[in-house]
Amino acid sequence: MTRIQEFIRDENGATAMEYGIAALLISVVAIMSMGQTGEEVNNLYTDVEGAVGTVADNQ
């Protein structure tokens, strides 16, 4: 029974697991924010393209 108790109390690797989970969460947030930023930039270029096309058509 003492080996099982030692195994349960052993915290070697717990820190690595915590760092892994933190890195995973940071990655997910970064990917989501980059996707949103990409959509906003695409919308901006689409608006600029439309404005340039309108000015070009009026001349």
Protein backbone atom coordinates (compact mmCIF):
# COMPACT_ATOMS: atom_id res chain seq x y z
CA MET A 1 0.00 0.00 0.00
CA THR A 2 2.87 2.38 0.62
CA ARG A 3 3.98 2.26 -3.04
CA ILE A 4 0.51 3.34 -4.14
CA GLN A 5 0.50 6.18 -1.62
CA GLU A 6 3.96 7.26 -2.79
CA PHE A 7 2.77 7.20 -6.40
CA ILE A 8 -0.26 9.34 -5.56
CA ARG A 9 1.83 11.86 -3.62
CA ASP A 10 4.55 12.03 -6.27
CA GLU A 11 4.29 15.37 -8.05
CA ASN A 12 7.14 14.96 -10.53
CA GLY A 13 5.70 15.88 -13.90
CA ALA A 14 2.76 17.84 -12.51
CA THR A 15 4.56 21.08 -13.32
CA ALA A 16 5.25 19.95 -16.87
CA MET A 17 1.58 19.08 -17.28
CA GLU A 18 0.55 22.51 -15.98
CA TYR A 19 2.92 24.24 -18.41
CA GLY A 20 1.55 22.10 -21.23
CA ILE A 21 -2.04 23.04 -20.42
CA ALA A 22 -1.10 26.72 -20.16
CA ALA A 23 0.69 26.58 -23.53
CA LEU A 24 -2.33 24.88 -25.09
CA LEU A 25 -4.72 27.54 -23.81
CA ILE A 26 -2.45 30.36 -24.96
CA SER A 27 -2.21 28.74 -28.40
CA VAL A 28 -5.98 28.43 -28.72
CA VAL A 29 -6.52 32.07 -27.76
CA ALA A 30 -3.79 33.22 -30.17
CA ILE A 31 -5.23 31.23 -33.07
CA MET A 32 -8.73 32.55 -32.41
CA SER A 33 -7.55 36.16 -32.23
CA MET A 34 -5.45 35.81 -35.38
CA GLY A 35 -8.45 34.41 -37.23
CA GLN A 36 -10.60 37.33 -36.13
CA THR A 37 -7.89 39.84 -37.06
CA GLY A 38 -7.51 38.21 -40.47
CA GLU A 39 -11.23 38.59 -41.14
CA GLU A 40 -11.13 42.26 -40.13
CA VAL A 41 -8.14 42.94 -42.40
CA ASN A 42 -9.89 41.17 -45.28
CA ASN A 43 -12.98 43.32 -44.73
CA LEU A 44 -10.82 46.44 -44.69
CA TYR A 45 -9.20 45.56 -48.02
CA THR A 46 -12.61 44.77 -49.50
CA ASP A 47 -13.88 48.20 -48.42
CA VAL A 48 -10.79 49.91 -49.87
CA GLU A 49 -11.20 47.98 -53.13
CA GLY A 50 -14.82 49.10 -53.35
CA ALA A 51 -13.92 52.73 -52.66
CA VAL A 52 -11.14 52.73 -55.26
CA GLY A 53 -13.47 51.12 -57.80
CA THR A 54 -16.13 53.76 -57.14
CA VAL A 55 -13.63 56.61 -57.60
CA ALA A 56 -12.26 55.02 -60.77
CA ASP A 57 -15.78 54.60 -62.20
CA ASN A 58 -16.62 58.27 -61.55
CA GLN A 59 -13.65 59.61 -63.48
